[in-house]
Amino acid sequence: GWFRQAPGKAREFVAAITWSGSSTYYA
């Protein structure tokens, strides 16, 4: 997965991908 964190904010989800790459998920 990819996450991001801006100054003063909580870390948030951006995107994820399965082990094979067959499925992806996005904020």
mmCIF file of all heavy atoms, coordinates in Angstrom:
data_MODEL
# 
_entry.id   MODEL 
# 
loop_
_atom_site.group_PDB 
_atom_site.id 
_atom_site.type_symbol 
_atom_site.label_atom_id 
_atom_site.label_alt_id 
_atom_site.label_comp_id 
_atom_site.label_asym_id 
_atom_site.label_entity_id 
_atom_site.label_seq_id 
_atom_site.pdbx_PDB_ins_code 
_atom_site.Cartn_x 
_atom_site.Cartn_y 
_atom_site.Cartn_z 
_atom_site.occupancy 
_atom_site.B_iso_or_equiv 
_atom_site.pdbx_formal_charge 
_atom_site.auth_seq_id 
_atom_site.auth_comp_id 
_atom_site.auth_asym_id 
_atom_site.auth_atom_id 
_atom_site.pdbx_PDB_model_num 
ATOM 1   N N   . GLY A 1 1  ? 0.804  -1.213  0.000   1.00 0.00 ? 1  GLY A N   1 
ATOM 2   C CA  . GLY A 1 1  ? 0.000  0.000   0.000   1.00 0.00 ? 1  GLY A CA  1 
ATOM 3   C C   . GLY A 1 1  ? 0.838  1.264   0.000   1.00 0.00 ? 1  GLY A C   1 
ATOM 4   O O   . GLY A 1 1  ? 2.029  1.235   0.322   1.00 0.00 ? 1  GLY A O   1 
ATOM 5   N N   . TRP A 1 2  ? 0.195  2.344   -0.395  1.00 0.00 ? 2  TRP A N   1 
ATOM 6   C CA  . TRP A 1 2  ? 0.771  3.696   -0.310  1.00 0.00 ? 2  TRP A CA  1 
ATOM 7   C C   . TRP A 1 2  ? -0.083 4.518   0.644   1.00 0.00 ? 2  TRP A C   1 
ATOM 8   O O   . TRP A 1 2  ? -1.315 4.494   0.578   1.00 0.00 ? 2  TRP A O   1 
ATOM 9   C CB  . TRP A 1 2  ? 0.782  4.385   -1.670  1.00 0.00 ? 2  TRP A CB  1 
ATOM 10  C CG  . TRP A 1 2  ? 1.821  3.900   -2.623  1.00 0.00 ? 2  TRP A CG  1 
ATOM 11  C CD1 . TRP A 1 2  ? 1.649  3.031   -3.656  1.00 0.00 ? 2  TRP A CD1 1 
ATOM 12  C CD2 . TRP A 1 2  ? 3.203  4.274   -2.646  1.00 0.00 ? 2  TRP A CD2 1 
ATOM 13  N NE1 . TRP A 1 2  ? 2.838  2.827   -4.318  1.00 0.00 ? 2  TRP A NE1 1 
ATOM 14  C CE2 . TRP A 1 2  ? 3.812  3.588   -3.714  1.00 0.00 ? 2  TRP A CE2 1 
ATOM 15  C CE3 . TRP A 1 2  ? 3.998  5.125   -1.870  1.00 0.00 ? 2  TRP A CE3 1 
ATOM 16  C CZ2 . TRP A 1 2  ? 5.168  3.718   -4.043  1.00 0.00 ? 2  TRP A CZ2 1 
ATOM 17  C CZ3 . TRP A 1 2  ? 5.341  5.258   -2.182  1.00 0.00 ? 2  TRP A CZ3 1 
ATOM 18  C CH2 . TRP A 1 2  ? 5.915  4.562   -3.251  1.00 0.00 ? 2  TRP A CH2 1 
ATOM 19  N N   . PHE A 1 3  ? 0.583  5.249   1.496   1.00 0.00 ? 3  PHE A N   1 
ATOM 20  C CA  . PHE A 1 3  ? -0.063 6.161   2.423   1.00 0.00 ? 3  PHE A CA  1 
ATOM 21  C C   . PHE A 1 3  ? 0.638  7.508   2.332   1.00 0.00 ? 3  PHE A C   1 
ATOM 22  O O   . PHE A 1 3  ? 1.744  7.596   1.795   1.00 0.00 ? 3  PHE A O   1 
ATOM 23  C CB  . PHE A 1 3  ? 0.034  5.630   3.866   1.00 0.00 ? 3  PHE A CB  1 
ATOM 24  C CG  . PHE A 1 3  ? -0.805 4.409   4.119   1.00 0.00 ? 3  PHE A CG  1 
ATOM 25  C CD1 . PHE A 1 3  ? -0.382 3.163   3.672   1.00 0.00 ? 3  PHE A CD1 1 
ATOM 26  C CD2 . PHE A 1 3  ? -1.998 4.495   4.795   1.00 0.00 ? 3  PHE A CD2 1 
ATOM 27  C CE1 . PHE A 1 3  ? -1.150 2.021   3.894   1.00 0.00 ? 3  PHE A CE1 1 
ATOM 28  C CE2 . PHE A 1 3  ? -2.775 3.369   5.036   1.00 0.00 ? 3  PHE A CE2 1 
ATOM 29  C CZ  . PHE A 1 3  ? -2.339 2.136   4.579   1.00 0.00 ? 3  PHE A CZ  1 
ATOM 30  N N   . ARG A 1 4  ? 0.017  8.536   2.869   1.00 0.00 ? 4  ARG A N   1 
ATOM 31  C CA  . ARG A 1 4  ? 0.666  9.848   2.911   1.00 0.00 ? 4  ARG A CA  1 
ATOM 32  C C   . ARG A 1 4  ? 0.311  10.559  4.212   1.00 0.00 ? 4  ARG A C   1 
ATOM 33  O O   . ARG A 1 4  ? -0.734 10.296  4.811   1.00 0.00 ? 4  ARG A O   1 
ATOM 34  C CB  . ARG A 1 4  ? 0.258  10.706  1.706   1.00 0.00 ? 4  ARG A CB  1 
ATOM 35  C CG  . ARG A 1 4  ? -1.222 11.069  1.651   1.00 0.00 ? 4  ARG A CG  1 
ATOM 36  C CD  . ARG A 1 4  ? -1.563 11.720  0.318   1.00 0.00 ? 4  ARG A CD  1 
ATOM 37  N NE  . ARG A 1 4  ? -2.980 12.049  0.230   1.00 0.00 ? 4  ARG A NE  1 
ATOM 38  C CZ  . ARG A 1 4  ? -3.574 12.435  -0.898  1.00 0.00 ? 4  ARG A CZ  1 
ATOM 39  N NH1 . ARG A 1 4  ? -2.882 12.538  -2.024  1.00 0.00 ? 4  ARG A NH1 1 
ATOM 40  N NH2 . ARG A 1 4  ? -4.870 12.721  -0.884  1.00 0.00 ? 4  ARG A NH2 1 
ATOM 41  N N   . GLN A 1 5  ? 1.205  11.448  4.612   1.00 0.00 ? 5  GLN A N   1 
ATOM 42  C CA  . GLN A 1 5  ? 0.996  12.197  5.835   1.00 0.00 ? 5  GLN A CA  1 
ATOM 43  C C   . GLN A 1 5  ? 1.435  13.635  5.641   1.00 0.00 ? 5  GLN A C   1 
ATOM 44  O O   . GLN A 1 5  ? 2.613  13.894  5.379   1.00 0.00 ? 5  GLN A O   1 
ATOM 45  C CB  . GLN A 1 5  ? 1.758  11.560  6.991   1.00 0.00 ? 5  GLN A CB  1 
ATOM 46  C CG  . GLN A 1 5  ? 1.448  12.180  8.342   1.00 0.00 ? 5  GLN A CG  1 
ATOM 47  C CD  . GLN A 1 5  ? 1.947  11.334  9.480   1.00 0.00 ? 5  GLN A CD  1 
ATOM 48  O OE1 . GLN A 1 5  ? 2.830  10.485  9.321   1.00 0.00 ? 5  GLN A OE1 1 
ATOM 49  N NE2 . GLN A 1 5  ? 1.389  11.540  10.666  1.00 0.00 ? 5  GLN A NE2 1 
ATOM 50  N N   . ALA A 1 6  ? 0.471  14.538  5.757   1.00 0.00 ? 6  ALA A N   1 
ATOM 51  C CA  . ALA A 1 6  ? 0.750  15.961  5.676   1.00 0.00 ? 6  ALA A CA  1 
ATOM 52  C C   . ALA A 1 6  ? 1.075  16.476  7.077   1.00 0.00 ? 6  ALA A C   1 
ATOM 53  O O   . ALA A 1 6  ? 0.678  15.882  8.079   1.00 0.00 ? 6  ALA A O   1 
ATOM 54  C CB  . ALA A 1 6  ? -0.454 16.694  5.104   1.00 0.00 ? 6  ALA A CB  1 
ATOM 55  N N   . PRO A 1 7  ? 1.781  17.604  7.167   1.00 0.00 ? 7  PRO A N   1 
ATOM 56  C CA  . PRO A 1 7  ? 2.138  18.153  8.471   1.00 0.00 ? 7  PRO A CA  1 
ATOM 57  C C   . PRO A 1 7  ? 0.906  18.374  9.340   1.00 0.00 ? 7  PRO A C   1 
ATOM 58  O O   . PRO A 1 7  ? -0.080 18.966  8.895   1.00 0.00 ? 7  PRO A O   1 
ATOM 59  C CB  . PRO A 1 7  ? 2.812  19.481  8.116   1.00 0.00 ? 7  PRO A CB  1 
ATOM 60  C CG  . PRO A 1 7  ? 3.349  19.263  6.750   1.00 0.00 ? 7  PRO A CG  1 
ATOM 61  C CD  . PRO A 1 7  ? 2.357  18.379  6.058   1.00 0.00 ? 7  PRO A CD  1 
ATOM 62  N N   . GLY A 1 8  ? 0.955  17.880  10.573  1.00 0.00 ? 8  GLY A N   1 
ATOM 63  C CA  . GLY A 1 8  ? -0.141 18.079  11.503  1.00 0.00 ? 8  GLY A CA  1 
ATOM 64  C C   . GLY A 1 8  ? -1.356 17.214  11.277  1.00 0.00 ? 8  GLY A C   1 
ATOM 65  O O   . GLY A 1 8  ? -2.375 17.382  11.957  1.00 0.00 ? 8  GLY A O   1 
ATOM 66  N N   . LYS A 1 9  ? -1.259 16.293  10.326  1.00 0.00 ? 9  LYS A N   1 
ATOM 67  C CA  . LYS A 1 9  ? -2.405 15.435  10.021  1.00 0.00 ? 9  LYS A CA  1 
ATOM 68  C C   . LYS A 1 9  ? -2.041 13.974  10.214  1.00 0.00 ? 9  LYS A C   1 
ATOM 69  O O   . LYS A 1 9  ? -0.867 13.592  10.237  1.00 0.00 ? 9  LYS A O   1 
ATOM 70  C CB  . LYS A 1 9  ? -2.887 15.679  8.596   1.00 0.00 ? 9  LYS A CB  1 
ATOM 71  C CG  . LYS A 1 9  ? -3.448 17.071  8.362   1.00 0.00 ? 9  LYS A CG  1 
ATOM 72  C CD  . LYS A 1 9  ? -4.097 17.167  6.997   1.00 0.00 ? 9  LYS A CD  1 
ATOM 73  C CE  . LYS A 1 9  ? -4.747 18.530  6.797   1.00 0.00 ? 9  LYS A CE  1 
ATOM 74  N NZ  . LYS A 1 9  ? -5.428 18.636  5.475   1.00 0.00 ? 9  LYS A NZ  1 
ATOM 75  N N   . ALA A 1 10 ? -3.076 13.152  10.323  1.00 0.00 ? 10 ALA A N   1 
ATOM 76  C CA  . ALA A 1 10 ? -2.855 11.720  10.456  1.00 0.00 ? 10 ALA A CA  1 
ATOM 77  C C   . ALA A 1 10 ? -2.434 11.117  9.120   1.00 0.00 ? 10 ALA A C   1 
ATOM 78  O O   . ALA A 1 10 ? -2.722 11.669  8.057   1.00 0.00 ? 10 ALA A O   1 
ATOM 79  C CB  . ALA A 1 10 ? -4.137 11.044  10.945  1.00 0.00 ? 10 ALA A CB  1 
ATOM 80  N N   . ARG A 1 11 ? -1.760 9.992   9.206   1.00 0.00 ? 11 ARG A N   1 
ATOM 81  C CA  . ARG A 1 11 ? -1.393 9.275   7.987   1.00 0.00 ? 11 ARG A CA  1 
ATOM 82  C C   . ARG A 1 11 ? -2.656 8.719   7.343   1.00 0.00 ? 11 ARG A C   1 
ATOM 83  O O   . ARG A 1 11 ? -3.509 8.137   8.021   1.00 0.00 ? 11 ARG A O   1 
ATOM 84  C CB  . ARG A 1 11 ? -0.423 8.152   8.334   1.00 0.00 ? 11 ARG A CB  1 
ATOM 85  C CG  . ARG A 1 11 ? 0.269  7.536   7.159   1.00 0.00 ? 11 ARG A CG  1 
ATOM 86  C CD  . ARG A 1 11 ? 1.417  6.645   7.604   1.00 0.00 ? 11 ARG A CD  1 
ATOM 87  N NE  . ARG A 1 11 ? 2.453  7.412   8.312   1.00 0.00 ? 11 ARG A NE  1 
ATOM 88  C CZ  . ARG A 1 11 ? 3.645  6.913   8.633   1.00 0.00 ? 11 ARG A CZ  1 
ATOM 89  N NH1 . ARG A 1 11 ? 3.965  5.671   8.307   1.00 0.00 ? 11 ARG A NH1 1 
ATOM 90  N NH2 . ARG A 1 11 ? 4.516  7.659   9.288   1.00 0.00 ? 11 ARG A NH2 1 
ATOM 91  N N   . GLU A 1 12 ? -2.769 8.895   6.025   1.00 0.00 ? 12 GLU A N   1 
ATOM 92  C CA  . GLU A 1 12 ? -3.978 8.471   5.352   1.00 0.00 ? 12 GLU A CA  1 
ATOM 93  C C   . GLU A 1 12 ? -3.685 7.535   4.185   1.00 0.00 ? 12 GLU A C   1 
ATOM 94  O O   . GLU A 1 12 ? -2.636 7.633   3.536   1.00 0.00 ? 12 GLU A O   1 
ATOM 95  C CB  . GLU A 1 12 ? -4.776 9.683   4.842   1.00 0.00 ? 12 GLU A CB  1 
ATOM 96  C CG  . GLU A 1 12 ? -4.104 10.484  3.762   1.00 0.00 ? 12 GLU A CG  1 
ATOM 97  C CD  . GLU A 1 12 ? -5.026 11.562  3.184   1.00 0.00 ? 12 GLU A CD  1 
ATOM 98  O OE1 . GLU A 1 12 ? -6.169 11.716  3.657   1.00 0.00 ? 12 GLU A OE1 1 
ATOM 99  O OE2 . GLU A 1 12 ? -4.585 12.245  2.232   1.00 0.00 ? 12 GLU A OE2 1 
ATOM 100 N N   . PHE A 1 13 ? -4.635 6.672   3.933   1.00 0.00 ? 13 PHE A N   1 
ATOM 101 C CA  . PHE A 1 13 ? -4.532 5.703   2.850   1.00 0.00 ? 13 PHE A CA  1 
ATOM 102 C C   . PHE A 1 13 ? -4.613 6.396   1.502   1.00 0.00 ? 13 PHE A C   1 
ATOM 103 O O   . PHE A 1 13 ? -5.421 7.311   1.307   1.00 0.00 ? 13 PHE A O   1 
ATOM 104 C CB  . PHE A 1 13 ? -5.666 4.690   2.994   1.00 0.00 ? 13 PHE A CB  1 
ATOM 105 C CG  . PHE A 1 13 ? -5.851 3.796   1.811   1.00 0.00 ? 13 PHE A CG  1 
ATOM 106 C CD1 . PHE A 1 13 ? -4.945 2.769   1.558   1.00 0.00 ? 13 PHE A CD1 1 
ATOM 107 C CD2 . PHE A 1 13 ? -6.916 3.969   0.943   1.00 0.00 ? 13 PHE A CD2 1 
ATOM 108 C CE1 . PHE A 1 13 ? -5.103 1.935   0.464   1.00 0.00 ? 13 PHE A CE1 1 
ATOM 109 C CE2 . PHE A 1 13 ? -7.097 3.139   -0.141  1.00 0.00 ? 13 PHE A CE2 1 
ATOM 110 C CZ  . PHE A 1 13 ? -6.191 2.121   -0.384  1.00 0.00 ? 13 PHE A CZ  1 
ATOM 111 N N   . VAL A 1 14 ? -3.803 5.915   0.566   1.00 0.00 ? 14 VAL A N   1 
ATOM 112 C CA  . VAL A 1 14 ? -3.834 6.433   -0.797  1.00 0.00 ? 14 VAL A CA  1 
ATOM 113 C C   . VAL A 1 14 ? -4.252 5.335   -1.777  1.00 0.00 ? 14 VAL A C   1 
ATOM 114 O O   . VAL A 1 14 ? -5.193 5.502   -2.542  1.00 0.00 ? 14 VAL A O   1 
ATOM 115 C CB  . VAL A 1 14 ? -2.469 7.004   -1.206  1.00 0.00 ? 14 VAL A CB  1 
ATOM 116 C CG1 . VAL A 1 14 ? -2.484 7.440   -2.665  1.00 0.00 ? 14 VAL A CG1 1 
ATOM 117 C CG2 . VAL A 1 14 ? -2.066 8.161   -0.297  1.00 0.00 ? 14 VAL A CG2 1 
ATOM 118 N N   . ALA A 1 15 ? -3.530 4.209   -1.750  1.00 0.00 ? 15 ALA A N   1 
ATOM 119 C CA  . ALA A 1 15 ? -3.808 3.135   -2.700  1.00 0.00 ? 15 ALA A CA  1 
ATOM 120 C C   . ALA A 1 15 ? -3.218 1.829   -2.181  1.00 0.00 ? 15 ALA A C   1 
ATOM 121 O O   . ALA A 1 15 ? -2.278 1.840   -1.393  1.00 0.00 ? 15 ALA A O   1 
ATOM 122 C CB  . ALA A 1 15 ? -3.232 3.463   -4.070  1.00 0.00 ? 15 ALA A CB  1 
ATOM 123 N N   . ALA A 1 16 ? -3.783 0.722   -2.661  1.00 0.00 ? 16 ALA A N   1 
ATOM 124 C CA  . ALA A 1 16 ? -3.270 -0.590  -2.303  1.00 0.00 ? 16 ALA A CA  1 
ATOM 125 C C   . ALA A 1 16 ? -3.369 -1.512  -3.506  1.00 0.00 ? 16 ALA A C   1 
ATOM 126 O O   . ALA A 1 16 ? -4.173 -1.283  -4.417  1.00 0.00 ? 16 ALA A O   1 
ATOM 127 C CB  . ALA A 1 16 ? -4.036 -1.176  -1.119  1.00 0.00 ? 16 ALA A CB  1 
ATOM 128 N N   . ILE A 1 17 ? -2.552 -2.557  -3.476  1.00 0.00 ? 17 ILE A N   1 
ATOM 129 C CA  . ILE A 1 17 ? -2.524 -3.497  -4.589  1.00 0.00 ? 17 ILE A CA  1 
ATOM 130 C C   . ILE A 1 17 ? -2.304 -4.893  -4.040  1.00 0.00 ? 17 ILE A C   1 
ATOM 131 O O   . ILE A 1 17 ? -1.550 -5.085  -3.081  1.00 0.00 ? 17 ILE A O   1 
ATOM 132 C CB  . ILE A 1 17 ? -1.410 -3.102  -5.590  1.00 0.00 ? 17 ILE A CB  1 
ATOM 133 C CG1 . ILE A 1 17 ? -1.465 -3.950  -6.856  1.00 0.00 ? 17 ILE A CG1 1 
ATOM 134 C CG2 . ILE A 1 17 ? -0.029 -3.168  -4.938  1.00 0.00 ? 17 ILE A CG2 1 
ATOM 135 C CD1 . ILE A 1 17 ? -0.593 -3.383  -7.987  1.00 0.00 ? 17 ILE A CD1 1 
ATOM 136 N N   . THR A 1 18 ? -2.972 -5.873  -4.632  1.00 0.00 ? 18 THR A N   1 
ATOM 137 C CA  . THR A 1 18 ? -2.807 -7.248  -4.192  1.00 0.00 ? 18 THR A CA  1 
ATOM 138 C C   . THR A 1 18 ? -1.436 -7.794  -4.585  1.00 0.00 ? 18 THR A C   1 
ATOM 139 O O   . THR A 1 18 ? -0.709 -7.176  -5.359  1.00 0.00 ? 18 THR A O   1 
ATOM 140 C CB  . THR A 1 18 ? -3.894 -8.144  -4.795  1.00 0.00 ? 18 THR A CB  1 
ATOM 141 O OG1 . THR A 1 18 ? -3.896 -7.980  -6.222  1.00 0.00 ? 18 THR A OG1 1 
ATOM 142 C CG2 . THR A 1 18 ? -5.261 -7.787  -4.241  1.00 0.00 ? 18 THR A CG2 1 
ATOM 143 N N   . TRP A 1 19 ? -1.075 -8.935  -4.062  1.00 0.00 ? 19 TRP A N   1 
ATOM 144 C CA  . TRP A 1 19 ? 0.236  -9.542  -4.253  1.00 0.00 ? 19 TRP A CA  1 
ATOM 145 C C   . TRP A 1 19 ? 0.542  -9.782  -5.727  1.00 0.00 ? 19 TRP A C   1 
ATOM 146 O O   . TRP A 1 19 ? 1.680  -9.659  -6.144  1.00 0.00 ? 19 TRP A O   1 
ATOM 147 C CB  . TRP A 1 19 ? 0.330  -10.851 -3.470  1.00 0.00 ? 19 TRP A CB  1 
ATOM 148 C CG  . TRP A 1 19 ? -0.870 -11.721 -3.678  1.00 0.00 ? 19 TRP A CG  1 
ATOM 149 C CD1 . TRP A 1 19 ? -1.017 -12.747 -4.557  1.00 0.00 ? 19 TRP A CD1 1 
ATOM 150 C CD2 . TRP A 1 19 ? -2.130 -11.604 -2.976  1.00 0.00 ? 19 TRP A CD2 1 
ATOM 151 N NE1 . TRP A 1 19 ? -2.284 -13.255 -4.475  1.00 0.00 ? 19 TRP A NE1 1 
ATOM 152 C CE2 . TRP A 1 19 ? -2.979 -12.595 -3.509  1.00 0.00 ? 19 TRP A CE2 1 
ATOM 153 C CE3 . TRP A 1 19 ? -2.617 -10.765 -1.978  1.00 0.00 ? 19 TRP A CE3 1 
ATOM 154 C CZ2 . TRP A 1 19 ? -4.284 -12.764 -3.057  1.00 0.00 ? 19 TRP A CZ2 1 
ATOM 155 C CZ3 . TRP A 1 19 ? -3.918 -10.937 -1.538  1.00 0.00 ? 19 TRP A CZ3 1 
ATOM 156 C CH2 . TRP A 1 19 ? -4.730 -11.928 -2.075  1.00 0.00 ? 19 TRP A CH2 1 
ATOM 157 N N   . SER A 1 20 ? -0.468 -10.113 -6.508  1.00 0.00 ? 20 SER A N   1 
ATOM 158 C CA  . SER A 1 20 ? -0.257 -10.378 -7.926  1.00 0.00 ? 20 SER A CA  1 
ATOM 159 C C   . SER A 1 20 ? -0.421 -9.139  -8.785  1.00 0.00 ? 20 SER A C   1 
ATOM 160 O O   . SER A 1 20 ? -0.056 -9.136  -9.964  1.00 0.00 ? 20 SER A O   1 
ATOM 161 C CB  . SER A 1 20 ? -1.241 -11.438 -8.412  1.00 0.00 ? 20 SER A CB  1 
ATOM 162 O OG  . SER A 1 20 ? -2.570 -10.924 -8.331  1.00 0.00 ? 20 SER A OG  1 
ATOM 163 N N   . GLY A 1 21 ? -0.998 -8.104  -8.210  1.00 0.00 ? 21 GLY A N   1 
ATOM 164 C CA  . GLY A 1 21 ? -1.289 -6.897  -8.969  1.00 0.00 ? 21 GLY A CA  1 
ATOM 165 C C   . GLY A 1 21 ? -2.617 -6.947  -9.699  1.00 0.00 ? 21 GLY A C   1 
ATOM 166 O O   . GLY A 1 21 ? -2.953 -6.009  -10.425 1.00 0.00 ? 21 GLY A O   1 
ATOM 167 N N   . SER A 1 22 ? -3.378 -7.990  -9.490  1.00 0.00 ? 22 SER A N   1 
ATOM 168 C CA  . SER A 1 22 ? -4.622 -8.163  -10.234 1.00 0.00 ? 22 SER A CA  1 
ATOM 169 C C   . SER A 1 22 ? -5.739 -7.238  -9.753  1.00 0.00 ? 22 SER A C   1 
ATOM 170 O O   . SER A 1 22 ? -6.678 -6.955  -10.503 1.00 0.00 ? 22 SER A O   1 
ATOM 171 C CB  . SER A 1 22 ? -5.089 -9.611  -10.157 1.00 0.00 ? 22 SER A CB  1 
ATOM 172 O OG  . SER A 1 22 ? -5.324 -9.988  -8.806  1.00 0.00 ? 22 SER A OG  1 
ATOM 173 N N   . SER A 1 23 ? -5.639 -6.791  -8.512  1.00 0.00 ? 23 SER A N   1 
ATOM 174 C CA  . SER A 1 23 ? -6.661 -5.888  -7.972  1.00 0.00 ? 23 SER A CA  1 
ATOM 175 C C   . SER A 1 23 ? -5.996 -4.685  -7.315  1.00 0.00 ? 23 SER A C   1 
ATOM 176 O O   . SER A 1 23 ? -4.946 -4.820  -6.673  1.00 0.00 ? 23 SER A O   1 
ATOM 177 C CB  . SER A 1 23 ? -7.526 -6.605  -6.937  1.00 0.00 ? 23 SER A CB  1 
ATOM 178 O OG  . SER A 1 23 ? -8.283 -7.631  -7.537  1.00 0.00 ? 23 SER A OG  1 
ATOM 179 N N   . THR A 1 24 ? -6.625 -3.539  -7.501  1.00 0.00 ? 24 THR A N   1 
ATOM 180 C CA  . THR A 1 24 ? -6.124 -2.302  -6.921  1.00 0.00 ? 24 THR A CA  1 
ATOM 181 C C   . THR A 1 24 ? -7.259 -1.556  -6.223  1.00 0.00 ? 24 THR A C   1 
ATOM 182 O O   . THR A 1 24 ? -8.433 -1.726  -6.572  1.00 0.00 ? 24 THR A O   1 
ATOM 183 C CB  . THR A 1 24 ? -5.508 -1.399  -7.986  1.00 0.00 ? 24 THR A CB  1 
ATOM 184 O OG1 . THR A 1 24 ? -6.487 -1.141  -9.008  1.00 0.00 ? 24 THR A OG1 1 
ATOM 185 C CG2 . THR A 1 24 ? -4.280 -2.044  -8.621  1.00 0.00 ? 24 THR A CG2 1 
ATOM 186 N N   . TYR A 1 25 ? -6.893 -0.735  -5.262  1.00 0.00 ? 25 TYR A N   1 
ATOM 187 C CA  . TYR A 1 25 ? -7.861 -0.011  -4.449  1.00 0.00 ? 25 TYR A CA  1 
ATOM 188 C C   . TYR A 1 25 ? -7.338 1.404   -4.232  1.00 0.00 ? 25 TYR A C   1 
ATOM 189 O O   . TYR A 1 25 ? -6.135 1.598   -4.054  1.00 0.00 ? 25 TYR A O   1 
ATOM 190 C CB  . TYR A 1 25 ? -8.039 -0.709  -3.095  1.00 0.00 ? 25 TYR A CB  1 
ATOM 191 C CG  . TYR A 1 25 ? -8.361 -2.178  -3.217  1.00 0.00 ? 25 TYR A CG  1 
ATOM 192 C CD1 . TYR A 1 25 ? -7.336 -3.119  -3.346  1.00 0.00 ? 25 TYR A CD1 1 
ATOM 193 C CD2 . TYR A 1 25 ? -9.670 -2.628  -3.263  1.00 0.00 ? 25 TYR A CD2 1 
ATOM 194 C CE1 . TYR A 1 25 ? -7.617 -4.471  -3.491  1.00 0.00 ? 25 TYR A CE1 1 
ATOM 195 C CE2 . TYR A 1 25 ? -9.962 -3.969  -3.395  1.00 0.00 ? 25 TYR A CE2 1 
ATOM 196 C CZ  . TYR A 1 25 ? -8.928 -4.889  -3.517  1.00 0.00 ? 25 TYR A CZ  1 
ATOM 197 O OH  . TYR A 1 25 ? -9.207 -6.222  -3.673  1.00 0.00 ? 25 TYR A OH  1 
ATOM 198 N N   . TYR A 1 26 ? -8.260 2.373   -4.224  1.00 0.00 ? 26 TYR A N   1 
ATOM 199 C CA  . TYR A 1 26 ? -7.857 3.768   -4.124  1.00 0.00 ? 26 TYR A CA  1 
ATOM 200 C C   . TYR A 1 26 ? -8.732 4.541   -3.155  1.00 0.00 ? 26 TYR A C   1 
ATOM 201 O O   . TYR A 1 26 ? -9.926 4.259   -3.004  1.00 0.00 ? 26 TYR A O   1 
ATOM 202 C CB  . TYR A 1 26 ? -7.955 4.441   -5.495  1.00 0.00 ? 26 TYR A CB  1 
ATOM 203 C CG  . TYR A 1 26 ? -7.040 3.855   -6.535  1.00 0.00 ? 26 TYR A CG  1 
ATOM 204 C CD1 . TYR A 1 26 ? -7.477 2.862   -7.399  1.00 0.00 ? 26 TYR A CD1 1 
ATOM 205 C CD2 . TYR A 1 26 ? -5.725 4.297   -6.649  1.00 0.00 ? 26 TYR A CD2 1 
ATOM 206 C CE1 . TYR A 1 26 ? -6.628 2.316   -8.349  1.00 0.00 ? 26 TYR A CE1 1 
ATOM 207 C CE2 . TYR A 1 26 ? -4.874 3.758   -7.600  1.00 0.00 ? 26 TYR A CE2 1 
ATOM 208 C CZ  . TYR A 1 26 ? -5.325 2.767   -8.438  1.00 0.00 ? 26 TYR A CZ  1 
ATOM 209 O OH  . TYR A 1 26 ? -4.483 2.236   -9.372  1.00 0.00 ? 26 TYR A OH  1 
ATOM 210 N N   . ALA A 1 27 ? -8.134 5.547   -2.539  1.00 0.00 ? 27 ALA A N   1 
ATOM 211 C CA  . ALA A 1 27 ? -8.920 6.518   -1.806  1.00 0.00 ? 27 ALA A CA  1 
ATOM 212 C C   . ALA A 1 27 ? -9.753 7.296   -2.821  1.00 0.00 ? 27 ALA A C   1 
ATOM 213 O O   . ALA A 1 27 ? -9.311 7.536   -3.948  1.00 0.00 ? 27 ALA A O   1 
ATOM 214 C CB  . ALA A 1 27 ? -8.008 7.465   -1.038  1.00 0.00 ? 27 ALA A CB  1 
# 
